[in-house]
């Protein structure tokens, strides 16, 4: 199913990142640009780097100048993340464009790619919670609490697998249809953000 297929690619990305565990490491996408794997791998890599940006910026001793630079990187990462979600939705729009949509078809509260976005973040939560649940220098109490949280995350993963695959099956059968709204973020746009507009 597509959810498990995507989750495995996310884990490949996460494992590759943690070989160096450095937000400034070079990025190489092992998949062809023509394949959906390319978008999924890139999407999770952005999420993984941003996860670690968020860790770094919460250091109470961070230099304010460094924090500002990092905030800009997080802003750019958020924009890249949104762009990748829209590219993934474009893949599904193209894939299902010839489906005969039923007259009583309904729309879902979120598009397939935004559900897959949640799966990418969940893969990161599972990876890092597993790290904490098995950390040798942590107390037994800490490991047990993290193991309990990990079990909930794994249950969430299974539920999200079902939800994503059901949504895609419904779209493919014409009982649901896709309608994608661009995010139309305003804070990065020089014409829509009054601060950026004033600085032009």
N, C-alpha and C. Protein backbone atom coordinates (compact mmCIF):
# COMPACT_ATOMS: atom_id res chain seq x y z
N UNK A 1 0.84 -1.20 0.00
CA UNK A 1 0.00 0.00 0.00
C UNK A 1 0.89 1.25 0.00
N UNK A 2 0.31 2.37 -0.46
CA UNK A 2 1.12 3.56 -0.64
C UNK A 2 1.69 4.08 0.69
N UNK A 3 0.92 3.97 1.76
CA UNK A 3 1.38 4.51 3.05
C UNK A 3 2.65 3.81 3.52
N UNK A 4 2.67 2.49 3.44
CA UNK A 4 3.86 1.74 3.86
C UNK A 4 5.03 2.02 2.93
N UNK A 5 4.75 2.11 1.64
CA UNK A 5 5.76 2.46 0.64
C UNK A 5 6.41 3.81 0.99
N UNK A 6 5.59 4.82 1.31
CA UNK A 6 6.10 6.14 1.66
C UNK A 6 6.87 6.10 2.98
N UNK A 7 6.33 5.38 3.96
CA UNK A 7 6.98 5.30 5.27
C UNK A 7 8.37 4.70 5.17
N UNK A 8 8.53 3.70 4.33
CA UNK A 8 9.85 3.08 4.14
C UNK A 8 10.84 4.07 3.53
N UNK A 9 10.38 4.89 2.61
CA UNK A 9 11.25 5.92 2.03
C UNK A 9 11.61 6.96 3.08
N UNK A 10 10.65 7.34 3.90
CA UNK A 10 10.93 8.28 4.99
C UNK A 10 12.01 7.73 5.92
N UNK A 11 11.91 6.47 6.25
CA UNK A 11 12.91 5.86 7.13
C UNK A 11 14.28 5.79 6.48
N UNK A 12 14.31 5.59 5.16
CA UNK A 12 15.58 5.61 4.44
C UNK A 12 16.24 6.98 4.56
N UNK A 13 15.43 8.02 4.41
CA UNK A 13 15.92 9.39 4.53
C UNK A 13 16.42 9.67 5.95
N UNK A 14 15.65 9.28 6.94
CA UNK A 14 16.01 9.52 8.34
C UNK A 14 17.32 8.80 8.69
N UNK A 15 17.42 7.55 8.27
CA UNK A 15 18.64 6.79 8.56
C UNK A 15 19.85 7.42 7.88
N UNK A 16 19.68 7.86 6.64
CA UNK A 16 20.80 8.50 5.92
C UNK A 16 21.22 9.78 6.61
N UNK A 17 20.26 10.60 7.04
CA UNK A 17 20.59 11.84 7.74
C UNK A 17 21.42 11.55 8.99
N UNK A 18 21.03 10.56 9.74
CA UNK A 18 21.67 10.31 11.04
C UNK A 18 23.03 9.62 10.93
N UNK A 19 23.45 9.26 9.72
CA UNK A 19 24.82 8.78 9.56
C UNK A 19 25.81 9.89 9.91
N UNK A 20 25.48 11.13 9.54
CA UNK A 20 26.31 12.28 9.89
C UNK A 20 25.68 13.11 11.00
N UNK A 21 24.35 13.11 11.06
CA UNK A 21 23.61 13.86 12.08
C UNK A 21 24.07 15.32 12.13
N UNK A 22 24.04 15.96 10.98
CA UNK A 22 24.54 17.33 10.86
C UNK A 22 23.60 18.10 9.92
N UNK A 23 23.02 19.19 10.43
CA UNK A 23 22.06 19.95 9.62
C UNK A 23 22.72 20.60 8.40
N UNK A 24 24.06 20.70 8.40
CA UNK A 24 24.76 21.35 7.29
C UNK A 24 25.37 20.34 6.31
N UNK A 25 25.05 19.07 6.46
CA UNK A 25 25.58 18.07 5.54
C UNK A 25 24.97 18.25 4.15
N UNK A 26 25.67 17.77 3.14
CA UNK A 26 25.18 17.88 1.78
C UNK A 26 24.01 16.92 1.57
N UNK A 27 23.15 17.28 0.64
CA UNK A 27 21.97 16.47 0.34
C UNK A 27 22.12 15.81 -1.02
N UNK A 28 21.84 14.52 -1.06
CA UNK A 28 21.81 13.80 -2.35
C UNK A 28 20.56 12.94 -2.37
N UNK A 29 19.76 13.12 -3.40
CA UNK A 29 18.55 12.32 -3.54
C UNK A 29 18.86 11.10 -4.40
N UNK A 30 18.70 9.88 -3.84
CA UNK A 30 19.07 8.68 -4.60
C UNK A 30 18.05 8.27 -5.65
N UNK A 31 16.91 8.95 -5.70
CA UNK A 31 15.83 8.55 -6.61
C UNK A 31 15.76 9.46 -7.83
N UNK A 32 15.27 8.93 -8.91
CA UNK A 32 15.12 9.68 -10.15
C UNK A 32 14.07 10.77 -9.98
N UNK A 33 14.31 11.92 -10.60
CA UNK A 33 13.38 13.05 -10.50
C UNK A 33 12.01 12.72 -11.08
N UNK A 34 11.92 11.73 -11.94
CA UNK A 34 10.65 11.38 -12.56
C UNK A 34 9.76 10.55 -11.64
N UNK A 35 10.31 10.07 -10.54
CA UNK A 35 9.58 9.13 -9.68
C UNK A 35 9.05 9.81 -8.43
N UNK A 36 7.92 9.32 -7.92
CA UNK A 36 7.34 9.86 -6.69
C UNK A 36 8.29 9.67 -5.51
N UNK A 37 9.12 8.64 -5.57
CA UNK A 37 10.09 8.42 -4.50
C UNK A 37 10.99 9.64 -4.30
N UNK A 38 11.31 10.31 -5.39
CA UNK A 38 12.16 11.50 -5.33
C UNK A 38 11.51 12.58 -4.45
N UNK A 39 10.22 12.82 -4.66
CA UNK A 39 9.51 13.83 -3.88
C UNK A 39 9.37 13.41 -2.42
N UNK A 40 9.08 12.14 -2.19
CA UNK A 40 8.90 11.66 -0.81
C UNK A 40 10.20 11.75 -0.02
N UNK A 41 11.30 11.36 -0.66
CA UNK A 41 12.60 11.40 0.01
C UNK A 41 12.99 12.85 0.32
N UNK A 42 12.82 13.73 -0.65
CA UNK A 42 13.13 15.15 -0.45
C UNK A 42 12.26 15.75 0.65
N UNK A 43 10.98 15.40 0.64
CA UNK A 43 10.05 15.90 1.65
C UNK A 43 10.51 15.53 3.05
N UNK A 44 10.85 14.27 3.25
CA UNK A 44 11.26 13.86 4.59
C UNK A 44 12.61 14.44 4.97
N UNK A 45 13.50 14.61 4.00
CA UNK A 45 14.81 15.20 4.33
C UNK A 45 14.62 16.62 4.87
N UNK A 46 13.74 17.37 4.23
CA UNK A 46 13.43 18.72 4.72
C UNK A 46 12.90 18.65 6.15
N UNK A 47 11.97 17.73 6.40
CA UNK A 47 11.40 17.57 7.73
C UNK A 47 12.46 17.18 8.75
N UNK A 48 13.37 16.31 8.36
CA UNK A 48 14.40 15.82 9.27
C UNK A 48 15.38 16.93 9.64
N UNK A 49 15.82 17.68 8.65
CA UNK A 49 16.73 18.80 8.93
C UNK A 49 16.02 19.82 9.82
N UNK A 50 14.76 20.12 9.51
CA UNK A 50 14.04 21.11 10.31
C UNK A 50 13.83 20.61 11.74
N UNK A 51 13.59 19.33 11.91
CA UNK A 51 13.47 18.76 13.26
C UNK A 51 14.68 19.14 14.10
N UNK A 52 15.86 19.02 13.48
CA UNK A 52 17.10 19.31 14.22
C UNK A 52 17.38 20.80 14.32
N UNK A 53 16.93 21.58 13.34
CA UNK A 53 16.96 23.04 13.51
C UNK A 53 16.18 23.43 14.77
N UNK A 54 15.01 22.83 14.92
CA UNK A 54 14.15 23.17 16.06
C UNK A 54 14.80 22.79 17.39
N UNK A 55 15.55 21.70 17.41
CA UNK A 55 16.30 21.34 18.61
C UNK A 55 17.36 22.40 18.93
N UNK A 56 18.11 22.79 17.90
CA UNK A 56 19.22 23.72 18.09
C UNK A 56 18.72 25.07 18.58
N UNK A 57 17.65 25.58 17.98
CA UNK A 57 17.20 26.94 18.30
C UNK A 57 16.64 27.02 19.72
N UNK A 58 16.31 25.88 20.33
CA UNK A 58 15.79 25.88 21.70
C UNK A 58 16.90 25.85 22.76
N UNK A 59 18.15 25.86 22.31
CA UNK A 59 19.27 25.95 23.25
C UNK A 59 19.21 27.31 23.95
N UNK A 60 19.02 27.36 25.28
CA UNK A 60 18.90 28.65 25.96
C UNK A 60 20.16 29.49 25.88
N UNK A 61 21.29 28.88 25.54
CA UNK A 61 22.56 29.61 25.47
C UNK A 61 22.93 30.00 24.04
N UNK A 62 22.01 29.83 23.10
CA UNK A 62 22.34 30.14 21.71
C UNK A 62 22.59 31.63 21.54
N UNK A 63 23.60 31.95 20.75
CA UNK A 63 23.89 33.35 20.43
C UNK A 63 22.71 33.95 19.66
N UNK A 64 22.23 35.14 20.05
CA UNK A 64 21.07 35.73 19.37
C UNK A 64 21.26 35.88 17.86
N UNK A 65 22.46 36.23 17.42
CA UNK A 65 22.71 36.35 15.99
C UNK A 65 22.56 35.00 15.29
N UNK A 66 23.09 33.94 15.94
CA UNK A 66 22.95 32.60 15.39
C UNK A 66 21.49 32.17 15.37
N UNK A 67 20.75 32.56 16.40
CA UNK A 67 19.33 32.20 16.48
C UNK A 67 18.55 32.85 15.33
N UNK A 68 18.90 34.10 15.01
CA UNK A 68 18.21 34.79 13.92
C UNK A 68 18.50 34.11 12.58
N UNK A 69 19.76 33.74 12.36
CA UNK A 69 20.12 33.02 11.13
C UNK A 69 19.33 31.72 11.04
N UNK A 70 19.24 31.02 12.18
CA UNK A 70 18.54 29.75 12.20
C UNK A 70 17.04 29.94 11.98
N UNK A 71 16.49 31.02 12.54
CA UNK A 71 15.07 31.32 12.31
C UNK A 71 14.80 31.51 10.83
N UNK A 72 15.69 32.18 10.13
CA UNK A 72 15.54 32.37 8.69
C UNK A 72 15.58 31.02 7.96
N UNK A 73 16.46 30.12 8.42
CA UNK A 73 16.54 28.79 7.81
C UNK A 73 15.25 28.01 8.04
N UNK A 74 14.67 28.14 9.23
CA UNK A 74 13.41 27.45 9.54
C UNK A 74 12.30 28.01 8.67
N UNK A 75 12.26 29.32 8.48
CA UNK A 75 11.25 29.93 7.60
C UNK A 75 11.37 29.39 6.18
N UNK A 76 12.60 29.33 5.68
CA UNK A 76 12.82 28.83 4.32
C UNK A 76 12.45 27.35 4.23
N UNK A 77 12.76 26.61 5.28
CA UNK A 77 12.43 25.19 5.32
C UNK A 77 10.92 24.97 5.29
N UNK A 78 10.19 25.79 6.03
CA UNK A 78 8.72 25.70 6.03
C UNK A 78 8.14 25.94 4.64
N UNK A 79 8.73 26.90 3.93
CA UNK A 79 8.26 27.17 2.57
C UNK A 79 8.57 25.98 1.64
N UNK A 80 9.78 25.42 1.78
CA UNK A 80 10.15 24.25 0.99
C UNK A 80 9.22 23.08 1.29
N UNK A 81 8.90 22.91 2.55
CA UNK A 81 8.01 21.82 2.96
C UNK A 81 6.64 21.97 2.30
N UNK A 82 6.10 23.17 2.34
CA UNK A 82 4.80 23.43 1.72
C UNK A 82 4.85 23.18 0.22
N UNK A 83 5.92 23.63 -0.42
CA UNK A 83 6.07 23.42 -1.87
C UNK A 83 6.09 21.92 -2.19
N UNK A 84 6.81 21.13 -1.39
CA UNK A 84 6.89 19.69 -1.65
C UNK A 84 5.54 19.02 -1.48
N UNK A 85 4.77 19.44 -0.47
CA UNK A 85 3.43 18.89 -0.29
C UNK A 85 2.60 19.16 -1.53
N UNK A 86 2.69 20.36 -2.07
CA UNK A 86 1.90 20.71 -3.26
C UNK A 86 2.37 19.92 -4.48
N UNK A 87 3.67 19.65 -4.58
CA UNK A 87 4.18 18.82 -5.68
C UNK A 87 3.63 17.40 -5.57
N UNK A 88 3.59 16.88 -4.34
CA UNK A 88 3.08 15.51 -4.13
C UNK A 88 1.59 15.46 -4.46
N UNK A 89 0.84 16.49 -4.07
CA UNK A 89 -0.57 16.52 -4.43
C UNK A 89 -0.76 16.61 -5.95
N UNK A 90 0.13 17.31 -6.62
CA UNK A 90 0.06 17.38 -8.08
C UNK A 90 0.25 16.00 -8.70
N UNK A 91 1.12 15.20 -8.08
CA UNK A 91 1.30 13.82 -8.55
C UNK A 91 -0.03 13.05 -8.48
N UNK A 92 -0.73 13.19 -7.35
CA UNK A 92 -2.00 12.47 -7.19
C UNK A 92 -3.09 13.05 -8.11
N UNK A 93 -3.11 14.35 -8.27
CA UNK A 93 -4.09 14.95 -9.19
C UNK A 93 -3.90 14.40 -10.60
N UNK A 94 -2.65 14.30 -11.00
CA UNK A 94 -2.35 13.76 -12.33
C UNK A 94 -2.70 12.27 -12.42
N UNK A 95 -2.38 11.53 -11.37
CA UNK A 95 -2.64 10.09 -11.37
C UNK A 95 -4.12 9.78 -11.49
N UNK A 96 -4.96 10.58 -10.81
CA UNK A 96 -6.39 10.28 -10.75
C UNK A 96 -7.24 11.20 -11.64
N UNK A 97 -6.61 11.88 -12.58
CA UNK A 97 -7.34 12.86 -13.39
C UNK A 97 -8.41 12.23 -14.27
N UNK A 98 -8.24 10.96 -14.63
CA UNK A 98 -9.21 10.31 -15.52
C UNK A 98 -10.28 9.52 -14.77
N UNK A 99 -10.26 9.58 -13.44
CA UNK A 99 -11.25 8.84 -12.66
C UNK A 99 -12.64 9.43 -12.90
N UNK A 100 -13.61 8.57 -13.06
CA UNK A 100 -15.01 8.98 -13.21
C UNK A 100 -15.58 9.25 -11.81
N UNK A 101 -15.66 10.52 -11.44
CA UNK A 101 -16.10 10.90 -10.10
C UNK A 101 -17.61 10.72 -9.98
N UNK A 102 -18.04 10.02 -8.96
CA UNK A 102 -19.47 9.77 -8.76
C UNK A 102 -20.22 11.05 -8.40
N UNK A 103 -21.49 11.10 -8.73
CA UNK A 103 -22.29 12.31 -8.49
C UNK A 103 -22.38 12.66 -7.01
N UNK A 104 -22.34 11.65 -6.15
CA UNK A 104 -22.46 11.89 -4.71
C UNK A 104 -21.10 11.84 -4.01
N UNK A 105 -20.02 11.98 -4.78
CA UNK A 105 -18.67 11.94 -4.20
C UNK A 105 -18.48 13.11 -3.23
N UNK A 106 -17.70 12.86 -2.21
CA UNK A 106 -17.43 13.88 -1.19
C UNK A 106 -15.96 14.25 -1.20
N UNK A 107 -15.66 15.38 -0.58
CA UNK A 107 -14.28 15.86 -0.48
C UNK A 107 -13.76 15.56 0.92
N UNK A 108 -12.49 15.28 1.01
CA UNK A 108 -11.87 14.99 2.30
C UNK A 108 -11.41 16.27 2.97
N UNK A 109 -11.28 16.22 4.30
CA UNK A 109 -10.86 17.42 5.03
C UNK A 109 -9.42 17.82 4.71
N UNK A 110 -8.59 16.86 4.30
CA UNK A 110 -7.22 17.17 3.89
C UNK A 110 -6.88 16.37 2.65
N UNK A 111 -5.95 16.89 1.89
CA UNK A 111 -5.54 16.22 0.66
C UNK A 111 -4.62 15.05 1.01
N UNK A 112 -4.41 14.12 0.05
CA UNK A 112 -3.49 13.01 0.32
C UNK A 112 -2.11 13.46 0.77
N UNK A 113 -1.57 14.49 0.13
CA UNK A 113 -0.20 14.91 0.46
C UNK A 113 -0.08 15.48 1.86
N UNK A 114 -1.12 16.16 2.35
CA UNK A 114 -1.04 16.67 3.72
C UNK A 114 -1.14 15.54 4.73
N UNK A 115 -1.86 14.48 4.40
CA UNK A 115 -1.87 13.29 5.27
C UNK A 115 -0.49 12.62 5.25
N UNK A 116 0.13 12.59 4.07
CA UNK A 116 1.47 12.01 3.95
C UNK A 116 2.49 12.88 4.68
N UNK A 117 2.28 14.18 4.68
CA UNK A 117 3.12 15.09 5.47
C UNK A 117 3.08 14.69 6.95
N UNK A 118 1.91 14.38 7.46
CA UNK A 118 1.79 13.95 8.86
C UNK A 118 2.51 12.63 9.09
N UNK A 119 2.49 11.76 8.09
CA UNK A 119 3.19 10.48 8.21
C UNK A 119 4.70 10.69 8.26
N UNK A 120 5.20 11.64 7.50
CA UNK A 120 6.63 11.96 7.51
C UNK A 120 7.07 12.44 8.88
N UNK A 121 6.28 13.32 9.48
CA UNK A 121 6.60 13.82 10.82
C UNK A 121 6.49 12.68 11.84
N UNK A 122 5.50 11.82 11.67
CA UNK A 122 5.32 10.69 12.58
C UNK A 122 6.52 9.75 12.51
N UNK A 123 7.07 9.55 11.32
CA UNK A 123 8.26 8.71 11.18
C UNK A 123 9.41 9.27 12.02
N UNK A 124 9.54 10.59 12.03
CA UNK A 124 10.58 11.23 12.84
C UNK A 124 10.31 11.07 14.33
N UNK A 125 9.06 11.21 14.73
CA UNK A 125 8.71 11.03 16.14
C UNK A 125 9.03 9.61 16.60
N UNK A 126 8.70 8.64 15.76
CA UNK A 126 8.96 7.24 16.10
C UNK A 126 10.46 6.99 16.21
N UNK A 127 11.23 7.52 15.27
CA UNK A 127 12.68 7.33 15.29
C UNK A 127 13.28 7.88 16.59
N UNK A 128 12.92 9.10 16.92
CA UNK A 128 13.54 9.74 18.08
C UNK A 128 12.99 9.23 19.41
N UNK A 129 11.72 8.82 19.43
CA UNK A 129 11.19 8.24 20.66
C UNK A 129 11.82 6.88 20.91
N UNK A 130 12.07 6.13 19.85
CA UNK A 130 12.76 4.85 19.99
C UNK A 130 14.18 5.06 20.53
N UNK A 131 14.84 6.12 20.06
CA UNK A 131 16.17 6.45 20.59
C UNK A 131 16.11 6.65 22.10
N UNK A 132 15.09 7.41 22.54
CA UNK A 132 14.97 7.69 23.98
C UNK A 132 14.58 6.45 24.78
N UNK A 133 13.77 5.60 24.18
CA UNK A 133 13.32 4.39 24.87
C UNK A 133 14.44 3.37 25.04
N UNK A 134 15.50 3.52 24.25
CA UNK A 134 16.61 2.56 24.29
C UNK A 134 17.93 3.23 24.69
N UNK A 135 17.87 4.47 25.15
CA UNK A 135 19.10 5.21 25.48
C UNK A 135 19.76 4.63 26.72
N UNK A 136 20.99 4.17 26.56
CA UNK A 136 21.68 3.44 27.64
C UNK A 136 21.94 4.31 28.85
N UNK A 137 22.15 5.62 28.65
CA UNK A 137 22.49 6.48 29.78
C UNK A 137 21.26 7.11 30.44
N UNK A 138 20.07 6.72 30.01
CA UNK A 138 18.84 7.24 30.61
C UNK A 138 18.38 6.31 31.73
N UNK A 139 17.58 6.87 32.64
CA UNK A 139 17.07 6.07 33.75
C UNK A 139 16.04 5.06 33.24
N UNK A 140 15.82 4.03 34.03
CA UNK A 140 14.80 3.04 33.68
C UNK A 140 13.44 3.69 33.57
N UNK A 141 13.13 4.61 34.47
CA UNK A 141 11.83 5.30 34.44
C UNK A 141 11.67 6.07 33.12
N UNK A 142 12.73 6.77 32.72
CA UNK A 142 12.69 7.53 31.46
C UNK A 142 12.44 6.59 30.29
N UNK A 143 13.17 5.48 30.24
CA UNK A 143 13.03 4.54 29.12
C UNK A 143 11.63 3.93 29.09
N UNK A 144 11.09 3.62 30.25
CA UNK A 144 9.74 3.03 30.30
C UNK A 144 8.68 4.03 29.84
N UNK A 145 8.82 5.29 30.25
CA UNK A 145 7.87 6.32 29.81
C UNK A 145 7.94 6.52 28.31
N UNK A 146 9.15 6.52 27.77
CA UNK A 146 9.33 6.71 26.33
C UNK A 146 8.84 5.49 25.55
N UNK A 147 9.00 4.31 26.13
CA UNK A 147 8.50 3.10 25.47
C UNK A 147 6.98 3.14 25.38
N UNK A 148 6.32 3.62 26.44
CA UNK A 148 4.85 3.75 26.43
C UNK A 148 4.41 4.74 25.36
N UNK A 149 5.15 5.85 25.24
CA UNK A 149 4.84 6.84 24.20
C UNK A 149 5.09 6.26 22.81
N UNK A 150 6.16 5.49 22.69
CA UNK A 150 6.49 4.87 21.40
C UNK A 150 5.37 3.95 20.95
N UNK A 151 4.81 3.19 21.87
CA UNK A 151 3.72 2.28 21.51
C UNK A 151 2.50 3.03 21.00
N UNK A 152 2.23 4.20 21.57
CA UNK A 152 1.12 5.04 21.08
C UNK A 152 1.43 5.56 19.69
N UNK A 153 2.68 5.99 19.47
CA UNK A 153 3.07 6.49 18.16
C UNK A 153 2.94 5.39 17.10
N UNK A 154 3.30 4.18 17.45
CA UNK A 154 3.18 3.06 16.50
C UNK A 154 1.72 2.76 16.19
N UNK A 155 0.87 2.92 17.19
CA UNK A 155 -0.57 2.75 16.95
C UNK A 155 -1.07 3.86 16.01
N UNK A 156 -0.61 5.07 16.24
CA UNK A 156 -0.97 6.18 15.35
C UNK A 156 -0.52 5.90 13.93
N UNK A 157 0.68 5.33 13.79
CA UNK A 157 1.19 5.00 12.45
C UNK A 157 0.26 4.03 11.75
N UNK A 158 -0.16 2.99 12.45
CA UNK A 158 -1.05 2.00 11.83
C UNK A 158 -2.39 2.64 11.44
N UNK A 159 -2.92 3.51 12.30
CA UNK A 159 -4.18 4.19 11.99
C UNK A 159 -4.02 5.11 10.79
N UNK A 160 -2.89 5.81 10.73
CA UNK A 160 -2.65 6.72 9.61
C UNK A 160 -2.45 5.94 8.31
N UNK A 161 -1.78 4.80 8.38
CA UNK A 161 -1.67 3.92 7.21
C UNK A 161 -3.05 3.63 6.64
N UNK A 162 -3.96 3.19 7.52
CA UNK A 162 -5.30 2.82 7.09
C UNK A 162 -6.02 4.02 6.48
N UNK A 163 -5.92 5.19 7.16
CA UNK A 163 -6.63 6.38 6.69
C UNK A 163 -6.12 6.84 5.33
N UNK A 164 -4.81 6.86 5.14
CA UNK A 164 -4.23 7.30 3.86
C UNK A 164 -4.62 6.35 2.74
N UNK A 165 -4.47 5.06 2.98
CA UNK A 165 -4.76 4.09 1.93
C UNK A 165 -6.25 4.06 1.60
N UNK A 166 -7.10 4.28 2.61
CA UNK A 166 -8.54 4.33 2.35
C UNK A 166 -8.90 5.56 1.53
N UNK A 167 -8.26 6.70 1.86
CA UNK A 167 -8.51 7.93 1.10
C UNK A 167 -8.12 7.74 -0.36
N UNK A 168 -6.95 7.17 -0.60
CA UNK A 168 -6.50 6.97 -1.97
C UNK A 168 -7.42 5.99 -2.72
N UNK A 169 -7.87 4.96 -2.01
CA UNK A 169 -8.79 3.99 -2.63
C UNK A 169 -10.12 4.68 -2.98
N UNK A 170 -10.59 5.55 -2.09
CA UNK A 170 -11.85 6.26 -2.34
C UNK A 170 -11.72 7.22 -3.53
N UNK A 171 -10.57 7.88 -3.64
CA UNK A 171 -10.35 8.78 -4.78
C UNK A 171 -10.29 7.97 -6.07
N UNK A 172 -9.60 6.85 -6.00
CA UNK A 172 -9.45 6.00 -7.19
C UNK A 172 -10.80 5.44 -7.64
N UNK A 173 -11.70 5.19 -6.69
CA UNK A 173 -13.02 4.62 -7.03
C UNK A 173 -14.05 5.70 -7.38
N UNK A 174 -13.68 6.96 -7.14
CA UNK A 174 -14.59 8.05 -7.47
C UNK A 174 -15.57 8.40 -6.37
N UNK A 175 -15.45 7.79 -5.19
CA UNK A 175 -16.36 8.12 -4.09
C UNK A 175 -15.89 9.36 -3.32
N UNK A 176 -14.63 9.72 -3.48
CA UNK A 176 -14.10 10.99 -2.99
C UNK A 176 -13.37 11.66 -4.14
N UNK A 177 -13.24 12.96 -4.06
CA UNK A 177 -12.49 13.66 -5.10
C UNK A 177 -11.51 14.63 -4.47
N UNK A 178 -10.47 14.94 -5.23
CA UNK A 178 -9.43 15.84 -4.74
C UNK A 178 -9.74 17.28 -5.16
N UNK A 179 -9.55 18.16 -4.24
CA UNK A 179 -9.62 19.59 -4.52
C UNK A 179 -8.53 20.24 -3.69
N UNK A 180 -7.52 20.72 -4.36
CA UNK A 180 -6.33 21.20 -3.65
C UNK A 180 -6.29 22.72 -3.67
N UNK A 181 -6.15 23.30 -2.49
CA UNK A 181 -5.98 24.74 -2.36
C UNK A 181 -4.52 25.03 -2.08
N UNK A 182 -3.93 25.92 -2.85
CA UNK A 182 -2.57 26.35 -2.55
C UNK A 182 -2.56 27.05 -1.19
N UNK A 183 -1.42 26.95 -0.50
CA UNK A 183 -1.35 27.51 0.85
C UNK A 183 -1.44 29.04 0.86
N UNK A 184 -0.94 29.68 -0.19
CA UNK A 184 -1.02 31.14 -0.29
C UNK A 184 -0.44 31.82 0.95
N UNK A 185 0.72 31.32 1.39
CA UNK A 185 1.37 31.94 2.55
C UNK A 185 1.69 33.39 2.25
N UNK A 186 1.44 34.25 3.21
CA UNK A 186 1.57 35.69 3.00
C UNK A 186 2.88 36.26 3.55
N UNK A 187 3.45 35.61 4.56
CA UNK A 187 4.57 36.26 5.25
C UNK A 187 5.87 36.26 4.46
N UNK A 188 5.98 35.41 3.42
CA UNK A 188 7.19 35.41 2.58
C UNK A 188 7.04 36.26 1.33
N UNK A 189 5.87 36.81 1.10
CA UNK A 189 5.58 37.55 -0.13
C UNK A 189 5.81 39.04 0.08
N UNK A 190 6.68 39.63 -0.74
CA UNK A 190 7.03 41.05 -0.58
C UNK A 190 5.83 41.97 -0.83
N UNK A 191 4.82 41.48 -1.54
CA UNK A 191 3.64 42.31 -1.80
C UNK A 191 2.56 42.13 -0.73
N UNK A 192 2.60 41.03 0.00
CA UNK A 192 1.53 40.73 0.96
C UNK A 192 1.94 40.94 2.41
N UNK A 193 3.22 40.85 2.70
CA UNK A 193 3.72 41.11 4.06
C UNK A 193 4.03 42.60 4.17
N UNK A 194 3.32 43.35 5.03
CA UNK A 194 3.52 44.80 5.07
C UNK A 194 4.93 45.22 5.49
N UNK A 195 5.61 44.37 6.28
CA UNK A 195 6.97 44.70 6.68
C UNK A 195 7.92 44.59 5.48
N UNK A 196 7.81 43.48 4.74
CA UNK A 196 8.65 43.31 3.55
C UNK A 196 8.33 44.34 2.50
N UNK A 197 7.05 44.65 2.35
CA UNK A 197 6.64 45.66 1.36
C UNK A 197 7.23 47.03 1.72
N UNK A 198 7.23 47.33 3.00
CA UNK A 198 7.75 48.63 3.43
C UNK A 198 9.26 48.75 3.26
N UNK A 199 9.94 47.61 3.23
CA UNK A 199 11.40 47.60 3.11
C UNK A 199 11.88 47.60 1.66
N UNK A 200 10.93 47.46 0.72
CA UNK A 200 11.33 47.42 -0.69
C UNK A 200 11.86 48.77 -1.16
